[in-house]
Amino acid sequence: MPYIEQVPVSEAKGLLKKLLDEAMERAGRVWHIIHIMSQNPRAMDASMAFYGAIMCGPSPLTRWQREMLATVTSKANDCFY
């Protein structure tokens, strides 16, 4: 359980509700990495836009290569998600 208080999905309003609804539509659930940002929906929105630009925007790397780099980096940093 995280130490950061999270806004329950059922209580989300405005921009936060929109972002959580989009997350549900994309993945069928709200991943913890997204939900932990629920106290600051503007930061969540910016973070998701940044991620989209890195992973899906124009690049000399393929999507597969970018995913592999993210996986190796997470492993090197002992991240378990």
Protein backbone atom coordinates (compact mmCIF):
# COMPACT_ATOMS: atom_id res chain seq x y z
CA MET A 1 0.00 0.00 0.00
CA PRO A 2 1.39 3.43 -0.91
CA TYR A 3 2.14 6.10 1.66
CA ILE A 4 0.67 8.77 -0.62
CA GLU A 5 -3.05 9.32 -0.17
CA GLN A 6 -4.95 8.60 -3.38
CA VAL A 7 -8.30 9.90 -4.54
CA PRO A 8 -10.62 6.90 -4.82
CA VAL A 9 -11.60 6.28 -8.44
CA SER A 10 -15.27 6.44 -7.45
CA GLU A 11 -14.77 9.98 -6.07
CA ALA A 12 -12.87 11.44 -9.03
CA LYS A 13 -14.27 14.59 -10.63
CA GLY A 14 -13.35 16.89 -13.49
CA LEU A 15 -9.96 16.37 -15.14
CA LEU A 16 -9.08 13.52 -12.78
CA LYS A 17 -12.26 11.62 -13.69
CA LYS A 18 -11.53 12.14 -17.38
CA LEU A 19 -7.97 10.83 -17.02
CA LEU A 20 -8.97 7.83 -14.92
CA ASP A 21 -11.78 6.99 -17.35
CA GLU A 22 -9.24 7.11 -20.21
CA ALA A 23 -6.89 4.84 -18.24
CA MET A 24 -9.74 2.35 -17.70
CA GLU A 25 -10.57 2.44 -21.40
CA ARG A 26 -6.92 1.85 -22.38
CA ALA A 27 -6.04 -0.90 -19.92
CA GLY A 28 -9.25 -2.10 -18.33
CA ARG A 29 -7.97 -0.87 -14.96
CA VAL A 30 -6.14 2.06 -13.35
CA TRP A 31 -2.53 1.01 -12.79
CA HIS A 32 -0.91 2.07 -9.50
CA ILE A 33 1.67 4.21 -11.32
CA ILE A 34 -1.25 6.32 -12.61
CA HIS A 35 -3.41 6.28 -9.48
CA ILE A 36 -0.56 7.51 -7.29
CA MET A 37 -0.73 10.82 -9.20
CA SER A 38 -4.45 11.30 -8.40
CA GLN A 39 -3.77 14.20 -6.01
CA ASN A 40 -2.45 16.27 -8.93
CA PRO A 41 -4.43 15.62 -12.14
CA ARG A 42 -2.52 18.28 -14.09
CA ALA A 43 0.76 16.51 -13.32
CA MET A 44 -0.85 13.18 -14.25
CA ASP A 45 -2.01 14.63 -17.56
CA ALA A 46 1.46 16.03 -18.32
CA SER A 47 3.12 12.76 -17.31
CA MET A 48 0.87 10.74 -19.60
CA ALA A 49 1.50 13.15 -22.49
CA PHE A 50 5.25 12.88 -21.90
CA TYR A 51 5.06 9.08 -21.83
CA GLY A 52 3.01 9.09 -25.04
CA ALA A 53 5.53 11.31 -26.80
CA ILE A 54 8.44 9.12 -25.74
CA MET A 55 6.85 5.75 -26.44
CA CYS A 56 4.59 6.52 -29.41
CA GLY A 57 6.02 9.66 -31.04
CA PRO A 58 8.42 9.83 -33.97
CA SER A 59 11.74 8.20 -33.15
CA PRO A 60 14.62 6.35 -34.81
CA LEU A 61 13.83 3.55 -32.33
CA THR A 62 10.99 1.11 -32.86
CA ARG A 63 8.25 0.78 -30.24
CA TRP A 64 9.70 -2.63 -29.36
CA GLN A 65 13.15 -1.11 -28.75
CA ARG A 66 11.67 1.63 -26.56
CA GLU A 67 9.73 -0.92 -24.49
CA MET A 68 12.89 -3.00 -24.08
CA LEU A 69 14.86 0.04 -22.90
CA ALA A 70 12.13 0.84 -20.38
CA THR A 71 12.14 -2.76 -19.12
CA VAL A 72 15.93 -2.92 -18.75
CA THR A 73 15.99 0.47 -17.01
CA SER A 74 13.27 -0.61 -14.57
CA LYS A 75 15.17 -3.81 -13.79
CA ALA A 76 18.44 -1.88 -13.27
CA ASN A 77 16.57 0.43 -10.84
CA ASP A 78 14.98 -2.52 -8.99
CA CYS A 79 11.48 -1.44 -10.04
CA PHE A 80 8.94 -4.24 -9.86
CA TYR A 81 6.14 -2.88 -12.03
